[in-house]
C-alpha atoms as a PDB file:
ATOM      1  CA  MET A   1     -30.613  73.759  46.230  1.00  0.00           C
ATOM      2  CA  LEU A   2     -30.619  72.418  42.685  1.00  0.00           C
ATOM      3  CA  GLN A   3     -33.342  73.612  40.308  1.00  0.00           C
ATOM      4  CA  ILE A   4     -34.107  72.092  36.923  1.00  0.00           C
ATOM      5  CA  GLN A   5     -36.153  74.728  35.145  1.00  0.00           C
ATOM      6  CA  GLY A   6     -38.047  73.761  31.985  1.00  0.00           C
ATOM      7  CA  ILE A   7     -35.179  71.715  30.559  1.00  0.00           C
ATOM      8  CA  SER A   8     -35.579  70.101  27.134  1.00  0.00           C
ATOM      9  CA  LYS A   9     -33.110  67.917  25.255  1.00  0.00           C
ATOM     10  CA  GLN A  10     -33.378  66.191  21.900  1.00  0.00           C
ATOM     11  CA  TYR A  11     -31.025  64.044  19.837  1.00  0.00           C
ATOM     12  CA  LYS A  12     -30.922  64.110  16.030  1.00  0.00           C
ATOM     13  CA  THR A  13     -29.863  61.195  13.829  1.00  0.00           C
ATOM     14  CA  GLY A  14     -30.301  62.192  10.216  1.00  0.00           C
ATOM     15  CA  ASP A  15     -33.979  63.076   9.844  1.00  0.00           C
ATOM     16  CA  PHE A  16     -34.943  61.251  13.038  1.00  0.00           C
ATOM     17  CA  VAL A  17     -35.404  63.406  16.145  1.00  0.00           C
ATOM     18  CA  GLN A  18     -35.732  61.848  19.587  1.00  0.00           C
ATOM     19  CA  ARG A  19     -36.946  64.089  22.388  1.00  0.00           C
ATOM     20  CA  ALA A  20     -35.195  62.773  25.510  1.00  0.00           C
ATOM     21  CA  LEU A  21     -36.517  65.437  27.912  1.00  0.00           C
ATOM     22  CA  ASP A  22     -39.586  67.586  27.346  1.00  0.00           C
ATOM     23  CA  ASN A  23     -39.790  70.747  29.476  1.00  0.00           C
ATOM     24  CA  VAL A  24     -38.762  69.022  32.723  1.00  0.00           C
ATOM     25  CA  SER A  25     -38.849  71.061  35.958  1.00  0.00           C
ATOM     26  CA  LEU A  26     -37.713  69.725  39.321  1.00  0.00           C
ATOM     27  CA  ASN A  27     -36.462  71.276  42.581  1.00  0.00           C
ATOM     28  CA  LEU A  28     -34.087  69.169  44.686  1.00  0.00           C
ATOM     29  CA  ARG A  29     -33.243  69.730  48.363  1.00  0.00           C
ATOM     30  CA  ASP A  30     -29.671  70.162  49.623  1.00  0.00           C
ATOM     31  CA  SER A  31     -29.754  66.807  51.411  1.00  0.00           C
ATOM     32  CA  GLU A  32     -32.058  64.047  50.235  1.00  0.00           C
ATOM     33  CA  PHE A  33     -31.832  60.687  48.471  1.00  0.00           C
ATOM     34  CA  VAL A  34     -33.699  60.946  45.163  1.00  0.00           C
ATOM     35  CA  ALA A  35     -34.307  57.865  43.008  1.00  0.00           C
ATOM     36  CA  ILE A  36     -35.232  58.431  39.356  1.00  0.00           C
ATOM     37  CA  LEU A  37     -37.245  55.538  37.933  1.00  0.00           C
ATOM     38  CA  GLY A  38     -38.524  54.846  34.446  1.00  0.00           C
ATOM     39  CA  PRO A  39     -38.388  52.405  31.540  1.00  0.00           C
ATOM     40  CA  SER A  40     -35.521  52.382  29.043  1.00  0.00           C
ATOM     41  CA  GLY A  41     -35.686  55.483  26.850  1.00  0.00           C
ATOM     42  CA  SER A  42     -37.620  57.495  29.453  1.00  0.00           C
ATOM     43  CA  GLY A  43     -34.887  60.142  29.731  1.00  0.00           C
ATOM     44  CA  LYS A  44     -33.622  59.322  33.219  1.00  0.00           C
ATOM     45  CA  THR A  45     -29.943  58.893  32.288  1.00  0.00           C
ATOM     46  CA  THR A  46     -30.105  62.014  30.115  1.00  0.00           C
ATOM     47  CA  LEU A  47     -31.472  63.933  33.108  1.00  0.00           C
ATOM     48  CA  LEU A  48     -28.683  62.598  35.353  1.00  0.00           C
ATOM     49  CA  ASN A  49     -26.027  63.510  32.766  1.00  0.00           C
ATOM     50  CA  ILE A  50     -27.421  67.042  32.450  1.00  0.00           C
ATOM     51  CA  ILE A  51     -27.382  67.496  36.242  1.00  0.00           C
ATOM     52  CA  GLY A  52     -23.751  66.312  36.189  1.00  0.00           C
ATOM     53  CA  GLY A  53     -22.692  68.551  33.318  1.00  0.00           C
ATOM     54  CA  LEU A  54     -21.815  65.535  31.139  1.00  0.00           C
ATOM     55  CA  ASP A  55     -24.511  66.477  28.633  1.00  0.00           C
ATOM     56  CA  HIS A  56     -25.938  69.906  27.842  1.00  0.00           C
ATOM     57  CA  TYR A  57     -29.578  70.910  27.609  1.00  0.00           C
ATOM     58  CA  ASP A  58     -31.108  72.571  24.540  1.00  0.00           C
ATOM     59  CA  SER A  59     -33.366  74.945  26.467  1.00  0.00           C
ATOM     60  CA  GLY A  60     -34.279  75.805  30.045  1.00  0.00           C
ATOM     61  CA  ASP A  61     -31.793  76.296  32.873  1.00  0.00           C
ATOM     62  CA  LEU A  62     -29.950  74.304  35.517  1.00  0.00           C
ATOM     63  CA  VAL A  63     -29.629  76.464  38.646  1.00  0.00           C
ATOM     64  CA  ILE A  64     -27.393  75.461  41.559  1.00  0.00           C
ATOM     65  CA  ASN A  65     -27.694  77.559  44.741  1.00  0.00           C
ATOM     66  CA  GLY A  66     -28.880  80.539  42.723  1.00  0.00           C
ATOM     67  CA  ILE A  67     -26.171  80.165  40.045  1.00  0.00           C
ATOM     68  CA  SER A  68     -27.394  79.817  36.466  1.00  0.00           C
ATOM     69  CA  THR A  69     -25.517  77.525  34.063  1.00  0.00           C
ATOM     70  CA  LYS A  70     -27.270  78.871  30.961  1.00  0.00           C
ATOM     71  CA  GLN A  71     -24.173  80.750  29.754  1.00  0.00           C
ATOM     72  CA  TYR A  72     -21.650  78.111  30.823  1.00  0.00           C
ATOM     73  CA  LYS A  73     -18.717  77.324  28.525  1.00  0.00           C
ATOM     74  CA  SER A  74     -16.595  74.158  28.645  1.00  0.00           C
ATOM     75  CA  ARG A  75     -14.276  75.607  31.285  1.00  0.00           C
ATOM     76  CA  ASP A  76     -17.217  76.516  33.545  1.00  0.00           C
ATOM     77  CA  TRP A  77     -18.625  72.987  33.238  1.00  0.00           C
ATOM     78  CA  ASP A  78     -15.200  71.521  34.094  1.00  0.00           C
ATOM     79  CA  SER A  79     -15.096  73.638  37.245  1.00  0.00           C
ATOM     80  CA  TYR A  80     -18.657  72.631  38.156  1.00  0.00           C
ATOM     81  CA  ARG A  81     -17.952  68.903  37.755  1.00  0.00           C
ATOM     82  CA  ASN A  82     -14.680  69.149  39.674  1.00  0.00           C
ATOM     83  CA  HIS A  83     -15.990  71.086  42.685  1.00  0.00           C
ATOM     84  CA  THR A  84     -19.697  70.335  42.961  1.00  0.00           C
ATOM     85  CA  ILE A  85     -20.367  66.818  41.599  1.00  0.00           C
ATOM     86  CA  GLY A  86     -19.278  63.308  42.554  1.00  0.00           C
ATOM     87  CA  PHE A  87     -20.045  60.467  40.103  1.00  0.00           C
ATOM     88  CA  VAL A  88     -20.735  56.786  40.801  1.00  0.00           C
ATOM     89  CA  PHE A  89     -21.165  54.550  37.734  1.00  0.00           C
ATOM     90  CA  GLN A  90     -22.438  51.001  37.291  1.00  0.00           C
ATOM     91  CA  SER A  91     -19.146  49.902  35.694  1.00  0.00           C
ATOM     92  CA  TYR A  92     -16.969  51.429  38.485  1.00  0.00           C
ATOM     93  CA  ASN A  93     -14.585  53.081  35.942  1.00  0.00           C
ATOM     94  CA  LEU A  94     -11.464  52.256  37.973  1.00  0.00           C
ATOM     95  CA  ILE A  95      -7.948  52.236  36.485  1.00  0.00           C
ATOM     96  CA  PRO A  96      -6.889  48.564  36.709  1.00  0.00           C
ATOM     97  CA  HIS A  97      -3.094  48.999  37.017  1.00  0.00           C
ATOM     98  CA  GLN A  98      -3.304  51.493  39.904  1.00  0.00           C
ATOM     99  CA  THR A  99      -4.013  50.840  43.590  1.00  0.00           C
ATOM    100  CA  ILE A 100      -7.413  51.833  44.899  1.00  0.00           C
ATOM    101  CA  LEU A 101      -5.709  54.600  46.898  1.00  0.00           C
ATOM    102  CA  SER A 102      -4.295  56.033  43.650  1.00  0.00           C
ATOM    103  CA  ASN A 103      -7.694  55.657  41.980  1.00  0.00           C
ATOM    104  CA  VAL A 104      -9.331  57.771  44.673  1.00  0.00           C
ATOM    105  CA  GLU A 105      -6.448  60.281  44.701  1.00  0.00           C
ATOM    106  CA  LEU A 106      -6.921  60.819  40.976  1.00  0.00           C
ATOM    107  CA  ALA A 107     -10.132  62.760  41.632  1.00  0.00           C
ATOM    108  CA  LEU A 108      -8.029  65.406  43.451  1.00  0.00           C
ATOM    109  CA  THR A 109      -5.181  65.818  40.969  1.00  0.00           C
ATOM    110  CA  ILE A 110      -6.748  68.756  39.114  1.00  0.00           C
ATOM    111  CA  SER A 111      -7.956  70.466  42.295  1.00  0.00           C
ATOM    112  CA  GLY A 112      -4.603  72.024  43.202  1.00  0.00           C
ATOM    113  CA  VAL A 113      -4.257  69.814  46.302  1.00  0.00           C
ATOM    114  CA  SER A 114      -0.744  68.841  47.466  1.00  0.00           C
ATOM    115  CA  HIS A 115       0.376  65.219  47.173  1.00  0.00           C
ATOM    116  CA  SER A 116       0.408  64.615  50.935  1.00  0.00           C
ATOM    117  CA  GLU A 117      -3.086  66.087  51.378  1.00  0.00           C
ATOM    118  CA  ARG A 118      -4.394  64.091  48.405  1.00  0.00           C
ATOM    119  CA  ARG A 119      -3.111  60.881  49.969  1.00  0.00           C
ATOM    120  CA  GLU A 120      -4.567  61.724  53.386  1.00  0.00           C
ATOM    121  CA  ARG A 121      -7.983  62.637  52.001  1.00  0.00           C
ATOM    122  CA  ALA A 122      -8.067  59.516  49.806  1.00  0.00           C
ATOM    123  CA  ARG A 123      -7.246  57.324  52.838  1.00  0.00           C
ATOM    124  CA  LYS A 124     -10.044  58.943  54.854  1.00  0.00           C
ATOM    125  CA  ALA A 125     -12.536  58.473  52.018  1.00  0.00           C
ATOM    126  CA  LEU A 126     -11.633  54.772  51.744  1.00  0.00           C
ATOM    127  CA  GLU A 127     -11.948  54.368  55.526  1.00  0.00           C
ATOM    128  CA  GLN A 128     -15.371  56.013  55.300  1.00  0.00           C
ATOM    129  CA  VAL A 129     -16.571  53.274  52.934  1.00  0.00           C
ATOM    130  CA  GLY A 130     -14.984  50.458  54.959  1.00  0.00           C
ATOM    131  CA  LEU A 131     -11.877  49.840  52.821  1.00  0.00           C
ATOM    132  CA  GLY A 132      -9.193  51.352  55.055  1.00  0.00           C
ATOM    133  CA  GLU A 133      -7.297  48.042  55.196  1.00  0.00           C
ATOM    134  CA  HIS A 134      -7.273  47.514  51.416  1.00  0.00           C
ATOM    135  CA  VAL A 135      -5.718  50.782  50.188  1.00  0.00           C
ATOM    136  CA  ASN A 136      -2.775  49.105  48.416  1.00  0.00           C
ATOM    137  CA  LYS A 137      -4.844  46.521  46.555  1.00  0.00           C
ATOM    138  CA  LYS A 138      -5.628  46.835  42.857  1.00  0.00           C
ATOM    139  CA  PRO A 139      -9.186  46.638  41.495  1.00  0.00           C
ATOM    140  CA  ASN A 140      -8.769  43.040  40.251  1.00  0.00           C
ATOM    141  CA  GLN A 141      -8.117  41.955  43.861  1.00  0.00           C
ATOM    142  CA  LEU A 142     -11.521  43.222  44.995  1.00  0.00           C
ATOM    143  CA  SER A 143     -15.106  41.988  44.743  1.00  0.00           C
ATOM    144  CA  GLY A 144     -17.712  43.914  42.739  1.00  0.00           C
ATOM    145  CA  GLY A 145     -19.146  45.416  45.910  1.00  0.00           C
ATOM    146  CA  GLN A 146     -15.710  46.553  47.083  1.00  0.00           C
ATOM    147  CA  MET A 147     -14.998  48.146  43.704  1.00  0.00           C
ATOM    148  CA  GLN A 148     -18.273  50.051  43.933  1.00  0.00           C
ATOM    149  CA  ARG A 149     -17.203  51.235  47.408  1.00  0.00           C
ATOM    150  CA  VAL A 150     -13.978  52.540  45.844  1.00  0.00           C
ATOM    151  CA  ALA A 151     -16.098  54.391  43.267  1.00  0.00           C
ATOM    152  CA  ILE A 152     -18.161  55.934  46.085  1.00  0.00           C
ATOM    153  CA  ALA A 153     -14.972  56.932  47.953  1.00  0.00           C
ATOM    154  CA  ARG A 154     -13.693  58.583  44.760  1.00  0.00           C
ATOM    155  CA  ALA A 155     -16.987  60.457  44.419  1.00  0.00           C
ATOM    156  CA  LEU A 156     -16.773  61.692  48.026  1.00  0.00           C
ATOM    157  CA  VAL A 157     -13.084  62.644  48.215  1.00  0.00           C
ATOM    158  CA  ASN A 158     -13.723  66.158  46.831  1.00  0.00           C
ATOM    159  CA  ASP A 159     -16.554  66.653  49.364  1.00  0.00           C
ATOM    160  CA  PRO A 160     -19.075  67.457  46.591  1.00  0.00           C
ATOM    161  CA  ASP A 161     -22.492  69.004  47.231  1.00  0.00           C
ATOM    162  CA  ILE A 162     -24.140  66.483  44.886  1.00  0.00           C
ATOM    163  CA  VAL A 163     -23.468  62.767  44.315  1.00  0.00           C
ATOM    164  CA  LEU A 164     -24.886  61.225  41.135  1.00  0.00           C
ATOM    165  CA  ALA A 165     -25.229  57.443  40.916  1.00  0.00           C
ATOM    166  CA  ASP A 166     -26.068  55.757  37.596  1.00  0.00           C
ATOM    167  CA  GLU A 167     -27.331  52.202  38.258  1.00  0.00           C
ATOM    168  CA  PRO A 168     -24.881  51.762  41.174  1.00  0.00           C
ATOM    169  CA  THR A 169     -26.194  48.266  41.993  1.00  0.00           C
ATOM    170  CA  GLY A 170     -26.756  47.105  38.402  1.00  0.00           C
ATOM    171  CA  ALA A 171     -23.729  44.774  38.350  1.00  0.00           C
ATOM    172  CA  LEU A 172     -24.084  43.514  41.943  1.00  0.00           C
ATOM    173  CA  ASP A 173     -25.873  40.627  43.656  1.00  0.00           C
ATOM    174  CA  SER A 174     -28.786  41.281  46.021  1.00  0.00           C
ATOM    175  CA  ASP A 175     -26.841  41.193  49.312  1.00  0.00           C
ATOM    176  CA  THR A 176     -24.087  43.473  48.007  1.00  0.00           C
ATOM    177  CA  SER A 177     -26.689  45.831  46.516  1.00  0.00           C
ATOM    178  CA  VAL A 178     -28.203  46.289  49.971  1.00  0.00           C
ATOM    179  CA  GLN A 179     -24.765  47.201  51.394  1.00  0.00           C
ATOM    180  CA  ILE A 180     -24.195  49.804  48.666  1.00  0.00           C
ATOM    181  CA  MET A 181     -27.686  51.272  49.188  1.00  0.00           C
ATOM    182  CA  ASP A 182     -27.047  51.510  52.948  1.00  0.00           C
ATOM    183  CA  LEU A 183     -23.854  53.418  52.165  1.00  0.00           C
ATOM    184  CA  LEU A 184     -25.581  55.806  49.732  1.00  0.00           C
ATOM    185  CA  LYS A 185     -28.349  56.430  52.268  1.00  0.00           C
ATOM    186  CA  GLU A 186     -25.679  57.393  54.821  1.00  0.00           C
ATOM    187  CA  VAL A 187     -24.017  59.695  52.266  1.00  0.00           C
ATOM    188  CA  ALA A 188     -27.377  61.424  51.618  1.00  0.00           C
ATOM    189  CA  LYS A 189     -27.634  62.599  55.243  1.00  0.00           C
ATOM    190  CA  ASP A 190     -25.483  65.652  54.518  1.00  0.00           C
ATOM    191  CA  ARG A 191     -25.695  66.122  50.735  1.00  0.00           C
ATOM    192  CA  LEU A 192     -27.926  65.547  47.728  1.00  0.00           C
ATOM    193  CA  VAL A 193     -27.756  62.052  46.211  1.00  0.00           C
ATOM    194  CA  VAL A 194     -29.529  61.454  42.892  1.00  0.00           C
ATOM    195  CA  MET A 195     -29.690  57.856  41.688  1.00  0.00           C
ATOM    196  CA  VAL A 196     -30.973  56.357  38.446  1.00  0.00           C
ATOM    197  CA  THR A 197     -32.073  52.749  38.837  1.00  0.00           C
ATOM    198  CA  HIS A 198     -34.123  49.994  37.202  1.00  0.00           C
ATOM    199  CA  ASN A 199     -34.762  48.466  40.634  1.00  0.00           C
ATOM    200  CA  PRO A 200     -37.950  50.011  42.101  1.00  0.00           C
ATOM    201  CA  GLU A 201     -37.852  47.675  45.102  1.00  0.00           C
ATOM    202  CA  LEU A 202     -34.500  49.053  46.313  1.00  0.00           C
ATOM    203  CA  ALA A 203     -35.506  52.605  45.398  1.00  0.00           C
ATOM    204  CA  TYR A 204     -38.702  52.534  47.459  1.00  0.00           C
ATOM    205  CA  GLN A 205     -36.885  50.899  50.365  1.00  0.00           C
ATOM    206  CA  TYR A 206     -33.974  53.346  50.593  1.00  0.00           C
ATOM    207  CA  ALA A 207     -34.668  56.613  48.758  1.00  0.00           C
ATOM    208  CA  THR A 208     -36.440  59.480  50.513  1.00  0.00           C
ATOM    209  CA  ARG A 209     -38.004  60.618  47.239  1.00  0.00           C
ATOM    210  CA  ILE A 210     -39.108  58.829  44.069  1.00  0.00           C
ATOM    211  CA  VAL A 211     -39.354  60.655  40.743  1.00  0.00           C
ATOM    212  CA  GLU A 212     -40.847  58.667  37.847  1.00  0.00           C
ATOM    213  CA  LEU A 213     -40.052  59.593  34.239  1.00  0.00           C
ATOM    214  CA  LYS A 214     -41.693  58.388  31.061  1.00  0.00           C
ATOM    215  CA  ASP A 215     -41.228  59.665  27.503  1.00  0.00           C
ATOM    216  CA  GLY A 216     -39.093  62.549  28.784  1.00  0.00           C
ATOM    217  CA  VAL A 217     -41.776  63.857  31.149  1.00  0.00           C
ATOM    218  CA  ILE A 218     -42.080  63.594  34.945  1.00  0.00           C
ATOM    219  CA  ARG A 219     -45.132  61.436  35.661  1.00  0.00           C
ATOM    220  CA  SER A 220     -44.952  61.446  39.478  1.00  0.00           C
ATOM    221  CA  ASP A 221     -42.946  62.866  42.384  1.00  0.00           C
ATOM    222  CA  SER A 222     -43.396  61.408  45.882  1.00  0.00           C
ATOM    223  CA  GLU A 223     -41.967  64.425  47.777  1.00  0.00           C
ATOM    224  CA  PRO A 224     -42.225  67.565  45.615  1.00  0.00           C
ATOM    225  CA  PHE A 225     -40.321  70.597  46.853  1.00  0.00           C
ATOM    226  CA  GLU A 226     -41.246  74.239  46.308  1.00  0.00           C
ATOM    227  CA  PRO A 227     -38.587  76.762  47.424  1.00  0.00           C
ATOM    228  CA  ALA A 228     -39.538  79.656  49.699  1.00  0.00           C
ATOM    229  CA  GLN A 229     -40.841  82.697  47.843  1.00  0.00           C
ATOM    230  CA  ASN A 230     -37.781  84.834  48.610  1.00  0.00           C
ATOM    231  CA  GLU A 231     -35.598  82.161  46.961  1.00  0.00           C
ATOM    232  CA  THR A 232     -37.658  82.061  43.771  1.00  0.00           C
ATOM    233  CA  THR A 233     -37.987  85.839  43.332  1.00  0.00           C
ATOM    234  CA  THR A 234     -34.188  86.320  43.080  1.00  0.00           C
ATOM    235  CA  ALA A 235     -33.036  85.888  39.489  1.00  0.00           C
ATOM    236  CA  PRO A 236     -30.261  83.275  38.993  1.00  0.00           C
ATOM    237  CA  VAL A 237     -26.823  84.811  38.350  1.00  0.00           C
ATOM    238  CA  HIS A 238     -23.947  83.665  36.136  1.00  0.00           C
ATOM    239  CA  LYS A 239     -20.978  82.587  38.251  1.00  0.00           C
ATOM    240  CA  THR A 240     -18.239  79.946  38.083  1.00  0.00           C
ATOM    241  CA  MET A 241     -18.271  77.245  40.773  1.00  0.00           C
ATOM    242  CA  GLY A 242     -14.823  76.688  42.194  1.00  0.00           C
END
């Protein structure tokens, strides 16, 4: 279970202060497909980056399975991102001169996994997303939809508890977007998937839960979740993940 507890975040540029998130609280189930909607500047990407440990909150706490991140240092965040989170970005972020197999393997290189196991797990991840026959191709030999499948395979290869998707269909046509959403829906059957999108039509069609943000505040939540009382009475502890 992931708990966002009273998180606030602001950015300062000279004398100008922009409050990106304002005391946001949200409980997320272990396996569900959550779509975060909102206009530009609503704080949705900031929220996704904080969940992923790419950005750090000013106040509040991010609690994962009873583990508090309030005292986390850079090394703790590295461990969290490496063992708990899988990222899918709009721009794919693939290395152009490497094969897609090597691109997926790269996510395992700092996990202490042997070369043979890395290769085997990367192959399985690519088969899972329907690219088992393309492992030796380079990104420029693939369509946009196939490259996004590679990005999803890379996110899954570490078997993370949480997959974060930032506008995963933003650069794709309608038909390909549907294929990627089908894949993410399948992924969400056994883990938490949190997606930021500007496409409410796809979100309402595929996500199991819609959270709407505006001006750094949650305006609506279609499937709110309150943990059992015994889970909320236990104070979060400081512990490294992985």
